[in-house]
């Protein structure tokens, strides 16, 4: 099964430091499909997702809020809204060119910007089924 985090429709739960890193804890909306997640038939789940940015700085609203838009930039590559799970800046195909890393999440009148030099995005714990969908 192929999986991807949809930043839109996810919820920022917490922003925390772990040494030099910043971790964004999300109540993520995760697409799962035998084809391309979010495009082909599949299911949507609610699952905890951690976005860890290494050697990072943080600015913005660390309270809990719903994400309306999101973008991850790794060097010259931009991933809008749908992030393959799991992903790492140093090994994932989509993030082959490691460079400056930024994560921008926007909500209703609020935002978070995290900048660093690498990223690790992974789902943790059980996934709760929200819906099944067909793209026919």
N, C-alpha and C. Protein backbone atom coordinates (compact mmCIF):
# COMPACT_ATOMS: atom_id res chain seq x y z
N UNK A 1 0.83 -1.19 0.00
CA UNK A 1 0.00 0.00 0.00
C UNK A 1 0.87 1.25 0.00
N UNK A 2 0.46 2.22 -0.75
CA UNK A 2 1.15 3.51 -0.81
C UNK A 2 0.42 4.49 0.09
N UNK A 3 1.20 5.33 0.80
CA UNK A 3 0.61 6.26 1.77
C UNK A 3 1.18 7.65 1.58
N UNK A 4 0.35 8.65 1.86
CA UNK A 4 0.80 10.04 1.79
C UNK A 4 0.01 10.89 2.77
N UNK A 5 0.71 11.85 3.38
CA UNK A 5 0.10 12.82 4.29
C UNK A 5 -0.45 13.97 3.48
N UNK A 6 -1.72 14.31 3.69
CA UNK A 6 -2.28 15.52 3.09
C UNK A 6 -2.22 16.61 4.15
N UNK A 7 -1.39 17.62 3.92
CA UNK A 7 -1.24 18.68 4.92
C UNK A 7 -2.56 19.41 5.12
N UNK A 8 -3.24 19.77 4.01
CA UNK A 8 -4.57 20.36 4.10
C UNK A 8 -5.48 19.31 4.74
N UNK A 9 -6.28 19.68 5.66
CA UNK A 9 -7.18 18.78 6.42
C UNK A 9 -6.49 18.08 7.58
N UNK A 10 -5.19 18.32 7.76
CA UNK A 10 -4.52 17.83 8.96
C UNK A 10 -4.60 18.92 10.02
N UNK A 11 -4.20 18.58 11.23
CA UNK A 11 -4.26 19.54 12.34
C UNK A 11 -2.90 19.58 13.03
N UNK A 12 -2.39 20.79 13.23
CA UNK A 12 -1.17 20.97 14.02
C UNK A 12 -1.55 20.78 15.48
N UNK A 13 -0.91 19.83 16.15
CA UNK A 13 -1.21 19.54 17.55
C UNK A 13 -0.19 20.20 18.48
N UNK A 14 1.09 20.15 18.08
CA UNK A 14 2.13 20.68 18.95
C UNK A 14 3.38 20.98 18.13
N UNK A 15 4.16 21.93 18.60
CA UNK A 15 5.48 22.23 18.06
C UNK A 15 6.43 22.11 19.24
N UNK A 16 7.49 21.29 19.07
CA UNK A 16 8.41 21.11 20.19
C UNK A 16 9.84 20.98 19.70
N UNK A 17 10.75 21.25 20.60
CA UNK A 17 12.18 21.11 20.32
C UNK A 17 12.67 19.78 20.85
N UNK A 18 13.60 19.18 20.11
CA UNK A 18 14.32 17.99 20.55
C UNK A 18 15.78 18.26 20.22
N UNK A 19 16.48 18.84 21.18
CA UNK A 19 17.85 19.29 20.92
C UNK A 19 17.82 20.38 19.86
N UNK A 20 18.61 20.24 18.79
CA UNK A 20 18.65 21.27 17.76
C UNK A 20 17.50 21.15 16.74
N UNK A 21 16.68 20.12 16.87
CA UNK A 21 15.61 19.85 15.91
C UNK A 21 14.28 20.43 16.37
N UNK A 22 13.39 20.68 15.41
CA UNK A 22 12.01 21.08 15.70
C UNK A 22 11.09 19.98 15.18
N UNK A 23 10.15 19.55 16.02
CA UNK A 23 9.20 18.51 15.65
C UNK A 23 7.80 19.10 15.62
N UNK A 24 7.13 18.94 14.48
CA UNK A 24 5.73 19.31 14.34
C UNK A 24 4.91 18.05 14.51
N UNK A 25 4.08 18.00 15.56
CA UNK A 25 3.18 16.87 15.77
C UNK A 25 1.86 17.20 15.10
N UNK A 26 1.44 16.33 14.18
CA UNK A 26 0.20 16.55 13.45
C UNK A 26 -0.79 15.44 13.71
N UNK A 27 -2.06 15.79 13.77
CA UNK A 27 -3.14 14.82 13.65
C UNK A 27 -3.39 14.80 12.14
N UNK A 28 -2.72 13.88 11.45
CA UNK A 28 -2.66 13.92 10.00
C UNK A 28 -3.82 13.23 9.31
N UNK A 29 -4.16 13.76 8.15
CA UNK A 29 -5.08 13.07 7.24
C UNK A 29 -4.19 12.31 6.27
N UNK A 30 -4.23 10.97 6.33
CA UNK A 30 -3.34 10.12 5.57
C UNK A 30 -4.13 9.36 4.51
N UNK A 31 -3.73 9.54 3.25
CA UNK A 31 -4.32 8.79 2.13
C UNK A 31 -3.58 7.47 2.00
N UNK A 32 -4.34 6.42 1.68
CA UNK A 32 -3.75 5.11 1.43
C UNK A 32 -4.39 4.53 0.17
N UNK A 33 -3.56 4.03 -0.75
CA UNK A 33 -4.07 3.51 -2.01
C UNK A 33 -3.09 2.49 -2.57
N UNK A 34 -3.60 1.57 -3.37
CA UNK A 34 -2.72 0.65 -4.09
C UNK A 34 -2.07 1.37 -5.26
N UNK A 35 -2.67 2.47 -5.69
CA UNK A 35 -2.12 3.30 -6.76
C UNK A 35 -1.45 4.52 -6.16
N UNK A 36 -1.82 5.69 -6.69
CA UNK A 36 -1.26 6.95 -6.20
C UNK A 36 -2.17 7.53 -5.12
N UNK A 37 -1.65 7.66 -3.89
CA UNK A 37 -2.48 8.17 -2.78
C UNK A 37 -3.03 9.56 -3.08
N UNK A 38 -4.33 9.73 -2.80
CA UNK A 38 -4.99 11.01 -3.04
C UNK A 38 -5.48 11.19 -4.46
N UNK A 39 -5.09 10.26 -5.34
CA UNK A 39 -5.51 10.34 -6.75
C UNK A 39 -6.36 9.12 -7.11
N UNK A 40 -5.87 7.93 -6.79
CA UNK A 40 -6.58 6.70 -7.13
C UNK A 40 -7.48 6.26 -5.97
N UNK A 41 -8.33 5.26 -6.24
CA UNK A 41 -9.21 4.70 -5.21
C UNK A 41 -8.42 4.35 -3.97
N UNK A 42 -9.03 4.55 -2.82
CA UNK A 42 -8.34 4.23 -1.58
C UNK A 42 -9.15 4.60 -0.37
N UNK A 43 -8.44 4.95 0.70
CA UNK A 43 -9.08 5.30 1.96
C UNK A 43 -8.32 6.45 2.61
N UNK A 44 -9.03 7.17 3.47
CA UNK A 44 -8.44 8.25 4.25
C UNK A 44 -8.46 7.88 5.72
N UNK A 45 -7.37 8.16 6.40
CA UNK A 45 -7.22 7.82 7.81
C UNK A 45 -6.79 9.04 8.61
N UNK A 46 -7.12 9.03 9.88
CA UNK A 46 -6.58 9.98 10.84
C UNK A 46 -5.46 9.25 11.57
N UNK A 47 -4.27 9.87 11.58
CA UNK A 47 -3.13 9.22 12.22
C UNK A 47 -2.13 10.28 12.68
N UNK A 48 -1.46 10.02 13.77
CA UNK A 48 -0.42 10.92 14.27
C UNK A 48 0.75 10.88 13.30
N UNK A 49 1.22 12.06 12.89
CA UNK A 49 2.37 12.18 11.99
C UNK A 49 3.35 13.17 12.61
N UNK A 50 4.62 12.80 12.62
CA UNK A 50 5.67 13.69 13.11
C UNK A 50 6.51 14.18 11.94
N UNK A 51 6.68 15.50 11.87
CA UNK A 51 7.53 16.13 10.88
C UNK A 51 8.72 16.69 11.65
N UNK A 52 9.88 16.07 11.48
CA UNK A 52 11.08 16.49 12.22
C UNK A 52 12.01 17.22 11.26
N UNK A 53 12.33 18.47 11.58
CA UNK A 53 13.26 19.26 10.79
C UNK A 53 14.54 19.38 11.61
N UNK A 54 15.65 18.97 11.01
CA UNK A 54 16.91 18.92 11.76
C UNK A 54 17.62 20.27 11.74
N UNK A 55 18.32 20.53 12.85
CA UNK A 55 19.08 21.79 13.03
C UNK A 55 18.21 22.98 12.63
N UNK A 56 17.08 23.11 13.29
CA UNK A 56 16.01 23.99 12.81
C UNK A 56 15.76 25.21 13.68
N UNK A 57 15.21 26.22 13.02
CA UNK A 57 14.65 27.39 13.70
C UNK A 57 13.15 27.37 13.46
N UNK A 58 12.42 28.07 14.33
CA UNK A 58 10.96 28.04 14.29
C UNK A 58 10.42 29.44 14.53
N UNK A 59 9.38 29.79 13.77
CA UNK A 59 8.64 31.02 14.08
C UNK A 59 7.18 30.80 13.75
N UNK A 60 6.32 31.42 14.54
CA UNK A 60 4.89 31.32 14.28
C UNK A 60 4.10 30.84 15.48
N UNK A 61 2.88 30.43 15.21
CA UNK A 61 1.89 30.06 16.21
C UNK A 61 2.01 28.58 16.56
N UNK A 62 2.44 28.27 17.78
CA UNK A 62 2.64 26.89 18.21
C UNK A 62 1.39 26.28 18.84
N UNK A 63 0.27 26.99 18.83
CA UNK A 63 -0.95 26.41 19.39
C UNK A 63 -1.55 25.41 18.40
N UNK A 64 -2.62 24.75 18.79
CA UNK A 64 -3.27 23.74 17.95
C UNK A 64 -4.26 24.40 17.00
N UNK A 65 -4.16 24.08 15.70
CA UNK A 65 -5.07 24.65 14.71
C UNK A 65 -5.10 23.79 13.45
N UNK A 66 -6.17 23.95 12.65
CA UNK A 66 -6.35 23.19 11.42
C UNK A 66 -5.51 23.80 10.29
N UNK A 67 -4.81 22.95 9.58
CA UNK A 67 -3.96 23.39 8.47
C UNK A 67 -4.81 23.56 7.22
N UNK A 68 -4.76 24.73 6.62
CA UNK A 68 -5.50 24.99 5.38
C UNK A 68 -4.60 24.84 4.16
N UNK A 69 -3.31 25.03 4.32
CA UNK A 69 -2.37 24.91 3.21
C UNK A 69 -1.00 24.58 3.77
N UNK A 70 -0.20 23.84 3.01
CA UNK A 70 1.13 23.51 3.49
C UNK A 70 2.08 23.22 2.34
N UNK A 71 3.36 23.46 2.61
CA UNK A 71 4.39 23.26 1.59
C UNK A 71 5.70 22.89 2.28
N UNK A 72 6.41 21.95 1.67
CA UNK A 72 7.74 21.58 2.14
C UNK A 72 8.71 21.84 1.00
N UNK A 73 9.80 22.54 1.30
CA UNK A 73 10.83 22.81 0.30
C UNK A 73 12.14 22.19 0.76
N UNK A 74 12.76 21.44 -0.14
CA UNK A 74 14.06 20.84 0.10
C UNK A 74 14.95 21.32 -1.03
N UNK A 75 15.82 22.26 -0.75
CA UNK A 75 16.61 22.85 -1.82
C UNK A 75 15.68 23.46 -2.85
N UNK A 76 15.80 23.06 -4.09
CA UNK A 76 14.97 23.60 -5.17
C UNK A 76 13.66 22.84 -5.35
N UNK A 77 13.49 21.72 -4.66
CA UNK A 77 12.27 20.92 -4.81
C UNK A 77 11.18 21.42 -3.87
N UNK A 78 9.95 21.47 -4.39
CA UNK A 78 8.80 21.89 -3.60
C UNK A 78 7.75 20.78 -3.62
N UNK A 79 7.27 20.42 -2.44
CA UNK A 79 6.19 19.44 -2.30
C UNK A 79 5.00 20.20 -1.73
N UNK A 80 3.96 20.36 -2.54
CA UNK A 80 2.75 21.05 -2.10
C UNK A 80 1.73 20.06 -1.59
N UNK A 81 1.36 20.18 -0.35
CA UNK A 81 0.23 19.54 0.28
C UNK A 81 0.32 18.03 0.49
N UNK A 82 0.75 17.23 -0.48
CA UNK A 82 0.73 15.78 -0.37
C UNK A 82 2.16 15.25 -0.25
N UNK A 83 2.49 14.66 0.92
CA UNK A 83 3.85 14.22 1.24
C UNK A 83 3.87 12.71 1.39
N UNK A 84 4.69 12.03 0.59
CA UNK A 84 4.81 10.58 0.65
C UNK A 84 5.26 10.16 2.05
N UNK A 85 4.66 9.09 2.58
CA UNK A 85 5.04 8.55 3.89
C UNK A 85 5.71 7.20 3.74
N UNK A 86 6.78 6.95 4.46
CA UNK A 86 7.61 7.94 5.16
C UNK A 86 8.51 8.66 4.17
N UNK A 87 9.05 9.82 4.56
CA UNK A 87 9.98 10.59 3.72
C UNK A 87 11.15 11.06 4.56
N UNK A 88 12.32 11.03 3.95
CA UNK A 88 13.53 11.56 4.59
C UNK A 88 14.31 12.34 3.55
N UNK A 89 14.85 13.45 3.94
CA UNK A 89 15.60 14.29 3.00
C UNK A 89 16.82 13.57 2.46
N UNK A 90 17.40 12.70 3.23
CA UNK A 90 18.65 12.07 2.81
C UNK A 90 18.45 10.81 1.98
N UNK A 91 17.23 10.24 1.94
CA UNK A 91 17.08 8.98 1.22
C UNK A 91 15.85 8.88 0.33
N UNK A 92 14.83 9.68 0.55
CA UNK A 92 13.61 9.55 -0.24
C UNK A 92 13.82 10.06 -1.66
N UNK A 93 13.28 9.36 -2.63
CA UNK A 93 13.42 9.72 -4.03
C UNK A 93 12.99 11.15 -4.31
N UNK A 94 11.88 11.56 -3.72
CA UNK A 94 11.35 12.91 -3.97
C UNK A 94 12.26 13.98 -3.40
N UNK A 95 13.04 13.63 -2.41
CA UNK A 95 13.90 14.62 -1.75
C UNK A 95 15.36 14.29 -2.01
N UNK A 96 15.70 13.96 -3.25
CA UNK A 96 17.05 13.50 -3.58
C UNK A 96 18.10 14.58 -3.38
N UNK A 97 17.75 15.84 -3.63
CA UNK A 97 18.72 16.93 -3.48
C UNK A 97 18.56 17.56 -2.10
N UNK A 98 19.46 17.26 -1.23
CA UNK A 98 19.38 17.80 0.13
C UNK A 98 19.99 19.20 0.12
N UNK A 99 19.29 20.14 0.69
CA UNK A 99 19.77 21.51 0.81
C UNK A 99 19.04 22.15 1.96
N UNK A 100 18.86 23.45 1.89
CA UNK A 100 18.08 24.13 2.91
C UNK A 100 16.67 23.58 2.89
N UNK A 101 16.11 23.35 4.06
CA UNK A 101 14.78 22.76 4.19
C UNK A 101 13.85 23.75 4.87
N UNK A 102 12.62 23.88 4.37
CA UNK A 102 11.63 24.68 5.07
C UNK A 102 10.28 24.01 5.01
N UNK A 103 9.52 24.19 6.08
CA UNK A 103 8.15 23.69 6.16
C UNK A 103 7.29 24.89 6.51
N UNK A 104 6.31 25.17 5.65
CA UNK A 104 5.38 26.27 5.90
C UNK A 104 3.98 25.69 6.00
N UNK A 105 3.31 25.92 7.13
CA UNK A 105 1.93 25.51 7.34
C UNK A 105 1.11 26.75 7.60
N UNK A 106 -0.05 26.87 6.93
CA UNK A 106 -0.91 28.03 7.09
C UNK A 106 -2.30 27.61 7.51
N UNK A 107 -2.87 28.39 8.43
CA UNK A 107 -4.23 28.18 8.89
C UNK A 107 -5.00 29.47 8.73
N UNK A 108 -6.17 29.54 9.33
CA UNK A 108 -7.00 30.74 9.27
C UNK A 108 -6.36 31.84 10.10
N UNK A 109 -5.65 32.75 9.46
CA UNK A 109 -5.01 33.86 10.16
C UNK A 109 -3.80 33.50 10.97
N UNK A 110 -3.21 32.33 10.73
CA UNK A 110 -2.04 31.90 11.49
C UNK A 110 -1.10 31.10 10.60
N UNK A 111 0.14 30.94 11.04
CA UNK A 111 1.11 30.19 10.25
C UNK A 111 2.27 29.72 11.12
N UNK A 112 2.99 28.72 10.61
CA UNK A 112 4.21 28.21 11.22
C UNK A 112 5.24 28.08 10.11
N UNK A 113 6.45 28.54 10.36
CA UNK A 113 7.56 28.35 9.43
C UNK A 113 8.71 27.73 10.20
N UNK A 114 9.18 26.57 9.71
CA UNK A 114 10.33 25.89 10.31
C UNK A 114 11.39 25.77 9.22
N UNK A 115 12.63 26.17 9.55
CA UNK A 115 13.72 26.09 8.59
C UNK A 115 14.87 25.33 9.20
N UNK A 116 15.50 24.45 8.40
CA UNK A 116 16.62 23.66 8.88
C UNK A 116 17.41 23.09 7.73
N UNK A 117 18.07 21.93 7.99
CA UNK A 117 18.89 21.36 6.93
C UNK A 117 18.52 19.92 6.56
N UNK A 118 17.42 19.41 7.07
CA UNK A 118 16.96 18.07 6.71
C UNK A 118 15.58 17.82 7.26
N UNK A 119 14.95 16.74 6.81
CA UNK A 119 13.57 16.48 7.24
C UNK A 119 13.31 14.98 7.30
N UNK A 120 12.45 14.59 8.24
CA UNK A 120 12.01 13.21 8.39
C UNK A 120 10.52 13.27 8.69
N UNK A 121 9.70 12.68 7.83
CA UNK A 121 8.25 12.69 8.01
C UNK A 121 7.79 11.25 8.14
N UNK A 122 7.14 10.93 9.28
CA UNK A 122 6.69 9.56 9.47
C UNK A 122 5.41 9.51 10.31
N UNK A 123 4.56 8.54 9.96
CA UNK A 123 3.33 8.28 10.71
C UNK A 123 3.68 7.39 11.90
N UNK A 124 2.96 7.61 13.01
CA UNK A 124 3.20 6.82 14.22
C UNK A 124 1.89 6.38 14.82
N UNK A 125 1.88 5.21 15.42
CA UNK A 125 0.70 4.71 16.12
C UNK A 125 -0.38 4.24 15.17
N UNK A 126 -1.54 3.89 15.75
CA UNK A 126 -2.62 3.33 14.94
C UNK A 126 -3.29 4.39 14.06
N UNK A 127 -3.80 3.92 12.93
CA UNK A 127 -4.56 4.78 12.01
C UNK A 127 -6.05 4.48 12.19
N UNK A 128 -6.86 5.55 12.21
CA UNK A 128 -8.31 5.40 12.37
C UNK A 128 -8.97 5.72 11.03
N UNK A 129 -9.74 4.77 10.49
CA UNK A 129 -10.40 4.96 9.20
C UNK A 129 -11.39 6.11 9.28
N UNK A 130 -11.28 7.05 8.34
CA UNK A 130 -12.21 8.17 8.24
C UNK A 130 -13.20 7.92 7.11
N UNK A 131 -12.67 7.49 5.95
CA UNK A 131 -13.54 7.26 4.79
C UNK A 131 -12.85 6.42 3.74
N UNK A 132 -13.65 5.76 2.92
CA UNK A 132 -13.16 5.08 1.72
C UNK A 132 -13.65 5.91 0.56
N UNK A 133 -12.86 6.00 -0.52
CA UNK A 133 -13.27 6.81 -1.65
C UNK A 133 -12.92 6.13 -2.97
N UNK A 134 -13.71 6.46 -3.96
CA UNK A 134 -13.52 5.97 -5.31
C UNK A 134 -13.42 7.15 -6.23
N UNK A 135 -12.48 7.15 -7.13
CA UNK A 135 -12.26 8.28 -8.04
C UNK A 135 -12.90 8.04 -9.40
N UNK A 136 -13.94 7.22 -9.47
CA UNK A 136 -14.62 6.95 -10.74
C UNK A 136 -15.39 8.14 -11.24
